[in-house]
Amino acid sequence: MELSNENQSYRPGDVVYVFYRNPHTQDVANVQSAAVVNNPEKPDELALLMYETYYPLSDETAVYASAEEAEQAYNYYFGNVSEGTLE
């Protein structure tokens, strides 16, 4: 299974980077690494695995191939990334 997202193809086992909002404090966002995996509920689809939770991987998800690329986008949308933002 492979999903293309903005000229990028993802396969199970890939590590990608996304913006993750703290569910307890919605005004806090971080760059977070995530694993691309087969969706356990829909085996023909891919999902992102973060913090032991599966999230849909779709064209609506902003996914970055590298931490540097994600941090540049984070700076553009949210302002400067402070040290230690990537978890």
PDB file of N, CA and C in Angstrom:
ATOM      1  N   MET A   1       0.855  -1.190   0.000  1.00  0.00           N
ATOM      2  CA  MET A   1       0.000   0.000   0.000  1.00  0.00           C
ATOM      3  C   MET A   1       0.886   1.233   0.000  1.00  0.00           C
ATOM      4  N   GLU A   2       0.503   2.199  -0.772  1.00  0.00           N
ATOM      5  CA  GLU A   2       1.271   3.433  -0.883  1.00  0.00           C
ATOM      6  C   GLU A   2       0.298   4.588  -1.026  1.00  0.00           C
ATOM      7  N   LEU A   3       0.584   5.708  -0.397  1.00  0.00           N
ATOM      8  CA  LEU A   3      -0.251   6.905  -0.522  1.00  0.00           C
ATOM      9  C   LEU A   3       0.635   8.050  -0.947  1.00  0.00           C
ATOM     10  N   SER A   4       0.195   8.797  -1.938  1.00  0.00           N
ATOM     11  CA  SER A   4       0.938   9.970  -2.375  1.00  0.00           C
ATOM     12  C   SER A   4       0.334  11.201  -1.728  1.00  0.00           C
ATOM     13  N   ASN A   5       1.188  12.090  -1.237  1.00  0.00           N
ATOM     14  CA  ASN A   5       0.759  13.315  -0.576  1.00  0.00           C
ATOM     15  C   ASN A   5       1.694  14.412  -1.042  1.00  0.00           C
ATOM     16  N   GLU A   6       1.180  15.328  -1.884  1.00  0.00           N
ATOM     17  CA  GLU A   6       1.979  16.435  -2.392  1.00  0.00           C
ATOM     18  C   GLU A   6       3.309  15.954  -2.979  1.00  0.00           C
ATOM     19  N   ASN A   7       3.223  15.069  -3.964  1.00  0.00           N
ATOM     20  CA  ASN A   7       4.390  14.537  -4.665  1.00  0.00           C
ATOM     21  C   ASN A   7       5.278  13.648  -3.792  1.00  0.00           C
ATOM     22  N   GLN A   8       4.787  13.205  -2.667  1.00  0.00           N
ATOM     23  CA  GLN A   8       5.557  12.323  -1.787  1.00  0.00           C
ATOM     24  C   GLN A   8       4.766  11.030  -1.616  1.00  0.00           C
ATOM     25  N   SER A   9       5.415   9.891  -1.748  1.00  0.00           N
ATOM     26  CA  SER A   9       4.760   8.602  -1.537  1.00  0.00           C
ATOM     27  C   SER A   9       5.161   8.059  -0.181  1.00  0.00           C
ATOM     28  N   TYR A  10       4.196   7.513   0.541  1.00  0.00           N
ATOM     29  CA  TYR A  10       4.451   6.964   1.866  1.00  0.00           C
ATOM     30  C   TYR A  10       4.149   5.478   1.872  1.00  0.00           C
ATOM     31  N   ARG A  11       4.956   4.759   2.629  1.00  0.00           N
ATOM     32  CA  ARG A  11       4.805   3.315   2.783  1.00  0.00           C
ATOM     33  C   ARG A  11       4.903   2.969   4.260  1.00  0.00           C
ATOM     34  N   PRO A  12       4.283   1.857   4.661  1.00  0.00           N
ATOM     35  CA  PRO A  12       4.423   1.421   6.051  1.00  0.00           C
ATOM     36  C   PRO A  12       5.904   1.330   6.433  1.00  0.00           C
ATOM     37  N   GLY A  13       6.221   1.854   7.593  1.00  0.00           N
ATOM     38  CA  GLY A  13       7.604   1.862   8.071  1.00  0.00           C
ATOM     39  C   GLY A  13       8.291   3.195   7.913  1.00  0.00           C
ATOM     40  N   ASP A  14       7.747   4.079   7.072  1.00  0.00           N
ATOM     41  CA  ASP A  14       8.328   5.411   6.915  1.00  0.00           C
ATOM     42  C   ASP A  14       8.144   6.220   8.194  1.00  0.00           C
ATOM     43  N   VAL A  15       9.117   7.050   8.500  1.00  0.00           N
ATOM     44  CA  VAL A  15       8.998   8.011   9.599  1.00  0.00           C
ATOM     45  C   VAL A  15       8.797   9.373   8.964  1.00  0.00           C
ATOM     46  N   VAL A  16       7.759  10.080   9.396  1.00  0.00           N
ATOM     47  CA  VAL A  16       7.418  11.390   8.864  1.00  0.00           C
ATOM     48  C   VAL A  16       7.245  12.362  10.026  1.00  0.00           C
ATOM     49  N   TYR A  17       7.003  13.612   9.703  1.00  0.00           N
ATOM     50  CA  TYR A  17       6.863  14.659  10.724  1.00  0.00           C
ATOM     51  C   TYR A  17       5.582  15.437  10.462  1.00  0.00           C
ATOM     52  N   VAL A  18       4.843  15.710  11.516  1.00  0.00           N
ATOM     53  CA  VAL A  18       3.568  16.415  11.424  1.00  0.00           C
ATOM     54  C   VAL A  18       3.495  17.451  12.537  1.00  0.00           C
ATOM     55  N   PHE A  19       2.519  18.346  12.437  1.00  0.00           N
ATOM     56  CA  PHE A  19       2.224  19.256  13.543  1.00  0.00           C
ATOM     57  C   PHE A  19       1.238  18.530  14.444  1.00  0.00           C
ATOM     58  N   TYR A  20       1.509  18.542  15.723  1.00  0.00           N
ATOM     59  CA  TYR A  20       0.637  17.860  16.680  1.00  0.00           C
ATOM     60  C   TYR A  20       0.200  18.862  17.729  1.00  0.00           C
ATOM     61  N   ARG A  21      -1.101  19.003  17.899  1.00  0.00           N
ATOM     62  CA  ARG A  21      -1.635  19.895  18.931  1.00  0.00           C
ATOM     63  C   ARG A  21      -1.864  19.103  20.198  1.00  0.00           C
ATOM     64  N   ASN A  22      -1.452  19.684  21.298  1.00  0.00           N
ATOM     65  CA  ASN A  22      -1.666  19.080  22.605  1.00  0.00           C
ATOM     66  C   ASN A  22      -3.172  18.988  22.854  1.00  0.00           C
ATOM     67  N   PRO A  23      -3.704  17.783  23.097  1.00  0.00           N
ATOM     68  CA  PRO A  23      -5.156  17.662  23.290  1.00  0.00           C
ATOM     69  C   PRO A  23      -5.661  18.367  24.545  1.00  0.00           C
ATOM     70  N   HIS A  24      -4.770  18.666  25.480  1.00  0.00           N
ATOM     71  CA  HIS A  24      -5.173  19.321  26.724  1.00  0.00           C
ATOM     72  C   HIS A  24      -5.002  20.832  26.656  1.00  0.00           C
ATOM     73  N   THR A  25      -4.143  21.294  25.768  1.00  0.00           N
ATOM     74  CA  THR A  25      -3.883  22.722  25.601  1.00  0.00           C
ATOM     75  C   THR A  25      -3.857  23.004  24.105  1.00  0.00           C
ATOM     76  N   GLN A  26      -4.996  23.353  23.530  1.00  0.00           N
ATOM     77  CA  GLN A  26      -5.130  23.467  22.085  1.00  0.00           C
ATOM     78  C   GLN A  26      -4.269  24.550  21.452  1.00  0.00           C
ATOM     79  N   ASP A  27      -3.789  25.515  22.238  1.00  0.00           N
ATOM     80  CA  ASP A  27      -2.975  26.565  21.638  1.00  0.00           C
ATOM     81  C   ASP A  27      -1.490  26.198  21.614  1.00  0.00           C
ATOM     82  N   VAL A  28      -1.157  24.945  21.918  1.00  0.00           N
ATOM     83  CA  VAL A  28       0.219  24.473  21.874  1.00  0.00           C
ATOM     84  C   VAL A  28       0.346  23.451  20.754  1.00  0.00           C
ATOM     85  N   ALA A  29       1.261  23.700  19.822  1.00  0.00           N
ATOM     86  CA  ALA A  29       1.529  22.765  18.723  1.00  0.00           C
ATOM     87  C   ALA A  29       3.023  22.491  18.677  1.00  0.00           C
ATOM     88  N   ASN A  30       3.373  21.280  18.303  1.00  0.00           N
ATOM     89  CA  ASN A  30       4.773  20.873  18.196  1.00  0.00           C
ATOM     90  C   ASN A  30       4.976  20.110  16.905  1.00  0.00           C
ATOM     91  N   VAL A  31       6.222  20.039  16.473  1.00  0.00           N
ATOM     92  CA  VAL A  31       6.589  19.142  15.389  1.00  0.00           C
ATOM     93  C   VAL A  31       6.819  17.789  16.040  1.00  0.00           C
ATOM     94  N   GLN A  32       6.159  16.774  15.497  1.00  0.00           N
ATOM     95  CA  GLN A  32       6.215  15.448  16.099  1.00  0.00           C
ATOM     96  C   GLN A  32       6.524  14.404  15.030  1.00  0.00           C
ATOM     97  N   SER A  33       7.399  13.475  15.346  1.00  0.00           N
ATOM     98  CA  SER A  33       7.634  12.371  14.417  1.00  0.00           C
ATOM     99  C   SER A  33       6.487  11.369  14.551  1.00  0.00           C
ATOM    100  N   ALA A  34       6.188  10.695  13.449  1.00  0.00           N
ATOM    101  CA  ALA A  34       5.130   9.687  13.429  1.00  0.00           C
ATOM    102  C   ALA A  34       5.543   8.574  12.484  1.00  0.00           C
ATOM    103  N   ALA A  35       5.064   7.392  12.749  1.00  0.00           N
ATOM    104  CA  ALA A  35       5.336   6.258  11.870  1.00  0.00           C
ATOM    105  C   ALA A  35       4.151   6.048  10.937  1.00  0.00           C
ATOM    106  N   VAL A  36       4.442   5.774   9.679  1.00  0.00           N
ATOM    107  CA  VAL A  36       3.397   5.397   8.733  1.00  0.00           C
ATOM    108  C   VAL A  36       3.186   3.889   8.889  1.00  0.00           C
ATOM    109  N   VAL A  37       1.934   3.502   9.124  1.00  0.00           N
ATOM    110  CA  VAL A  37       1.601   2.096   9.365  1.00  0.00           C
ATOM    111  C   VAL A  37       0.327   1.741   8.607  1.00  0.00           C
ATOM    112  N   ASN A  38       0.061   0.440   8.487  1.00  0.00           N
ATOM    113  CA  ASN A  38      -1.228   0.002   7.973  1.00  0.00           C
ATOM    114  C   ASN A  38      -2.279   0.289   9.028  1.00  0.00           C
ATOM    115  N   ASN A  39      -3.402   0.846   8.617  1.00  0.00           N
ATOM    116  CA  ASN A  39      -4.485   1.157   9.539  1.00  0.00           C
ATOM    117  C   ASN A  39      -5.095  -0.156  10.036  1.00  0.00           C
ATOM    118  N   PRO A  40      -5.065  -0.418  11.360  1.00  0.00           N
ATOM    119  CA  PRO A  40      -5.577  -1.696  11.861  1.00  0.00           C
ATOM    120  C   PRO A  40      -7.091  -1.856  11.664  1.00  0.00           C
ATOM    121  N   GLU A  41      -7.816  -0.746  11.545  1.00  0.00           N
ATOM    122  CA  GLU A  41      -9.268  -0.820  11.354  1.00  0.00           C
ATOM    123  C   GLU A  41      -9.648  -0.894   9.883  1.00  0.00           C
ATOM    124  N   LYS A  42      -8.769  -0.408   9.002  1.00  0.00           N
ATOM    125  CA  LYS A  42      -9.011  -0.424   7.553  1.00  0.00           C
ATOM    126  C   LYS A  42      -7.707  -0.845   6.884  1.00  0.00           C
ATOM    127  N   PRO A  43      -7.472  -2.151   6.774  1.00  0.00           N
ATOM    128  CA  PRO A  43      -6.178  -2.646   6.281  1.00  0.00           C
ATOM    129  C   PRO A  43      -5.752  -2.133   4.915  1.00  0.00           C
ATOM    130  N   ASP A  44      -6.684  -1.646   4.098  1.00  0.00           N
ATOM    131  CA  ASP A  44      -6.313  -1.144   2.780  1.00  0.00           C
ATOM    132  C   ASP A  44      -5.925   0.331   2.813  1.00  0.00           C
ATOM    133  N   GLU A  45      -5.854   0.927   4.015  1.00  0.00           N
ATOM    134  CA  GLU A  45      -5.487   2.332   4.162  1.00  0.00           C
ATOM    135  C   GLU A  45      -4.271   2.466   5.071  1.00  0.00           C
ATOM    136  N   LEU A  46      -3.584   3.599   4.942  1.00  0.00           N
ATOM    137  CA  LEU A  46      -2.449   3.903   5.808  1.00  0.00           C
ATOM    138  C   LEU A  46      -2.887   4.818   6.935  1.00  0.00           C
ATOM    139  N   ALA A  47      -2.131   4.801   8.014  1.00  0.00           N
ATOM    140  CA  ALA A  47      -2.401   5.658   9.159  1.00  0.00           C
ATOM    141  C   ALA A  47      -1.074   6.156   9.709  1.00  0.00           C
ATOM    142  N   LEU A  48      -1.156   7.179  10.546  1.00  0.00           N
ATOM    143  CA  LEU A  48       0.001   7.672  11.290  1.00  0.00           C
ATOM    144  C   LEU A  48      -0.106   7.158  12.714  1.00  0.00           C
ATOM    145  N   LEU A  49       0.985   6.668  13.252  1.00  0.00           N
ATOM    146  CA  LEU A  49       1.009   6.191  14.634  1.00  0.00           C
ATOM    147  C   LEU A  49       1.841   7.149  15.457  1.00  0.00           C
ATOM    148  N   MET A  50       1.159   7.816  16.417  1.00  0.00           N
ATOM    149  CA  MET A  50       1.814   8.737  17.356  1.00  0.00           C
ATOM    150  C   MET A  50       1.227   8.498  18.730  1.00  0.00           C
ATOM    151  N   TYR A  51       2.086   8.468  19.720  1.00  0.00           N
ATOM    152  CA  TYR A  51       1.630   8.310  21.102  1.00  0.00           C
ATOM    153  C   TYR A  51       0.661   7.139  21.244  1.00  0.00           C
ATOM    154  N   GLU A  52       0.974   6.018  20.599  1.00  0.00           N
ATOM    155  CA  GLU A  52       0.173   4.799  20.657  1.00  0.00           C
ATOM    156  C   GLU A  52      -1.259   4.993  20.167  1.00  0.00           C
ATOM    157  N   THR A  53      -1.467   5.997  19.299  1.00  0.00           N
ATOM    158  CA  THR A  53      -2.781   6.273  18.724  1.00  0.00           C
ATOM    159  C   THR A  53      -2.637   6.336  17.208  1.00  0.00           C
ATOM    160  N   TYR A  54      -3.625   5.794  16.507  1.00  0.00           N
ATOM    161  CA  TYR A  54      -3.644   5.820  15.049  1.00  0.00           C
ATOM    162  C   TYR A  54      -4.442   7.025  14.561  1.00  0.00           C
ATOM    163  N   TYR A  55      -3.889   7.728  13.586  1.00  0.00           N
ATOM    164  CA  TYR A  55      -4.542   8.881  12.970  1.00  0.00           C
ATOM    165  C   TYR A  55      -4.612   8.621  11.473  1.00  0.00           C
ATOM    166  N   PRO A  56      -5.710   9.010  10.814  1.00  0.00           N
ATOM    167  CA  PRO A  56      -5.798   8.784   9.365  1.00  0.00           C
ATOM    168  C   PRO A  56      -4.701   9.544   8.617  1.00  0.00           C
ATOM    169  N   LEU A  57      -4.169   8.923   7.610  1.00  0.00           N
ATOM    170  CA  LEU A  57      -3.210   9.586   6.724  1.00  0.00           C
ATOM    171  C   LEU A  57      -3.943   9.865   5.426  1.00  0.00           C
ATOM    172  N   SER A  58      -4.189  11.140   5.185  1.00  0.00           N
ATOM    173  CA  SER A  58      -4.942  11.515   3.992  1.00  0.00           C
ATOM    174  C   SER A  58      -4.272  12.715   3.338  1.00  0.00           C
ATOM    175  N   ASP A  59      -4.800  13.114   2.201  1.00  0.00           N
ATOM    176  CA  ASP A  59      -4.270  14.290   1.509  1.00  0.00           C
ATOM    177  C   ASP A  59      -4.504  15.564   2.312  1.00  0.00           C
ATOM    178  N   GLU A  60      -5.375  15.520   3.312  1.00  0.00           N
ATOM    179  CA  GLU A  60      -5.660  16.689   4.145  1.00  0.00           C
ATOM    180  C   GLU A  60      -4.677  16.837   5.308  1.00  0.00           C
ATOM    181  N   THR A  61      -3.806  15.856   5.480  1.00  0.00           N
ATOM    182  CA  THR A  61      -2.830  15.888   6.563  1.00  0.00           C
ATOM    183  C   THR A  61      -1.530  16.499   6.054  1.00  0.00           C
ATOM    184  N   ALA A  62      -1.035  17.490   6.764  1.00  0.00           N
ATOM    185  CA  ALA A  62       0.258  18.103   6.411  1.00  0.00           C
ATOM    186  C   ALA A  62       1.360  17.200   6.951  1.00  0.00           C
ATOM    187  N   VAL A  63       2.018  16.505   6.043  1.00  0.00           N
ATOM    188  CA  VAL A  63       3.057  15.537   6.402  1.00  0.00           C
ATOM    189  C   VAL A  63       4.359  15.984   5.759  1.00  0.00           C
ATOM    190  N   TYR A  64       5.436  15.925   6.517  1.00  0.00           N
ATOM    191  CA  TYR A  64       6.747  16.356   6.026  1.00  0.00           C
ATOM    192  C   TYR A  64       7.726  15.193   6.122  1.00  0.00           C
ATOM    193  N   ALA A  65       8.570  15.079   5.119  1.00  0.00           N
ATOM    194  CA  ALA A  65       9.521  13.976   5.041  1.00  0.00           C
ATOM    195  C   ALA A  65      10.699  14.143   5.993  1.00  0.00           C
ATOM    196  N   SER A  66      11.011  15.377   6.391  1.00  0.00           N
ATOM    197  CA  SER A  66      12.150  15.598   7.286  1.00  0.00           C
ATOM    198  C   SER A  66      11.760  16.557   8.408  1.00  0.00           C
ATOM    199  N   ALA A  67      12.490  16.462   9.490  1.00  0.00           N
ATOM    200  CA  ALA A  67      12.252  17.362  10.621  1.00  0.00           C
ATOM    201  C   ALA A  67      12.540  18.803  10.215  1.00  0.00           C
ATOM    202  N   GLU A  68      13.565  19.019   9.388  1.00  0.00           N
ATOM    203  CA  GLU A  68      13.922  20.371   8.964  1.00  0.00           C
ATOM    204  C   GLU A  68      12.793  21.001   8.147  1.00  0.00           C
ATOM    205  N   GLU A  69      12.237  20.223   7.230  1.00  0.00           N
ATOM    206  CA  GLU A  69      11.129  20.712   6.408  1.00  0.00           C
ATOM    207  C   GLU A  69       9.914  21.048   7.282  1.00  0.00           C
ATOM    208  N   ALA A  70       9.628  20.207   8.259  1.00  0.00           N
ATOM    209  CA  ALA A  70       8.500  20.446   9.166  1.00  0.00           C
ATOM    210  C   ALA A  70       8.743  21.692  10.011  1.00  0.00           C
ATOM    211  N   GLU A  71       9.968  21.884  10.483  1.00  0.00           N
ATOM    212  CA  GLU A  71      10.273  23.055  11.304  1.00  0.00           C
ATOM    213  C   GLU A  71      10.192  24.347  10.492  1.00  0.00           C
ATOM    214  N   GLN A  72      10.587  24.300   9.218  1.00  0.00           N
ATOM    215  CA  GLN A  72      10.449  25.484   8.362  1.00  0.00           C
ATOM    216  C   GLN A  72       8.974  25.840   8.185  1.00  0.00           C
ATOM    217  N   ALA A  73       8.139  24.842   7.942  1.00  0.00           N
ATOM    218  CA  ALA A  73       6.704  25.095   7.803  1.00  0.00           C
ATOM    219  C   ALA A  73       6.119  25.577   9.128  1.00  0.00           C
ATOM    220  N   TYR A  74       6.565  25.001  10.238  1.00  0.00           N
ATOM    221  CA  TYR A  74       6.097  25.423  11.557  1.00  0.00           C
ATOM    222  C   TYR A  74       6.433  26.895  11.779  1.00  0.00           C
ATOM    223  N   ASN A  75       7.662  27.275  11.448  1.00  0.00           N
ATOM    224  CA  ASN A  75       8.069  28.683  11.587  1.00  0.00           C
ATOM    225  C   ASN A  75       7.186  29.589  10.747  1.00  0.00           C
ATOM    226  N   TYR A  76       6.848  29.149   9.556  1.00  0.00           N
ATOM    227  CA  TYR A  76       6.012  29.947   8.660  1.00  0.00           C
ATOM    228  C   TYR A  76       4.611  30.141   9.259  1.00  0.00           C
ATOM    229  N   TYR A  77       4.023  29.073   9.774  1.00  0.00           N
ATOM    230  CA  TYR A  77       2.642  29.127  10.268  1.00  0.00           C
ATOM    231  C   TYR A  77       2.507  29.587  11.713  1.00  0.00           C
ATOM    232  N   PHE A  78       3.478  29.252  12.568  1.00  0.00           N
ATOM    233  CA  PHE A  78       3.333  29.507  14.003  1.00  0.00           C
ATOM    234  C   PHE A  78       4.387  30.432  14.595  1.00  0.00           C
ATOM    235  N   GLY A  79       5.403  30.804  13.841  1.00  0.00           N
ATOM    236  CA  GLY A  79       6.486  31.606  14.388  1.00  0.00           C
ATOM    237  C   GLY A  79       7.699  30.736  14.633  1.00  0.00           C
ATOM    238  N   ASN A  80       8.704  31.279  15.291  1.00  0.00           N
ATOM    239  CA  ASN A  80       9.964  30.562  15.496  1.00  0.00           C
ATOM    240  C   ASN A  80       9.788  29.319  16.325  1.00  0.00           C
ATOM    241  N   VAL A  81      10.505  28.273  15.923  1.00  0.00           N
ATOM    242  CA  VAL A  81      10.546  27.028  16.682  1.00  0.00           C
ATOM    243  C   VAL A  81      11.615  27.182  17.748  1.00  0.00           C
ATOM    244  N   SER A  82      11.254  26.926  18.977  1.00  0.00           N
ATOM    245  CA  SER A  82      12.262  26.982  20.043  1.00  0.00           C
ATOM    246  C   SER A  82      12.992  25.657  20.115  1.00  0.00           C
ATOM    247  N   GLU A  83      14.153  25.680  20.719  1.00  0.00           N
ATOM    248  CA  GLU A  83      14.934  24.452  20.872  1.00  0.00           C
ATOM    249  C   GLU A  83      14.101  23.413  21.602  1.00  0.00           C
ATOM    250  N   GLY A  84      14.205  22.165  21.162  1.00  0.00           N
ATOM    251  CA  GLY A  84      13.504  21.093  21.840  1.00  0.00           C
ATOM    252  C   GLY A  84      12.058  20.929  21.409  1.00  0.00           C
ATOM    253  N   THR A  85      11.651  21.575  20.331  1.00  0.00           N
ATOM    254  CA  THR A  85      10.267  21.435  19.883  1.00  0.00           C
ATOM    255  C   THR A  85      10.003  20.028  19.355  1.00  0.00           C
ATOM    256  N   LEU A  86      10.975  19.467  18.643  1.00  0.00           N
ATOM    257  CA  LEU A  86      10.803  18.138  18.076  1.00  0.00           C
ATOM    258  C   LEU A  86      10.925  17.119  19.191  1.00  0.00           C
ATOM    259  N   GLU A  87       9.911  16.284  19.306  1.00  0.00           N
ATOM    260  CA  GLU A  87       9.922  15.254  20.350  1.00  0.00           C
ATOM    261  C   GLU A  87      10.167  13.900  19.750  1.00  0.00           C
TER     262      GLU A  87
END
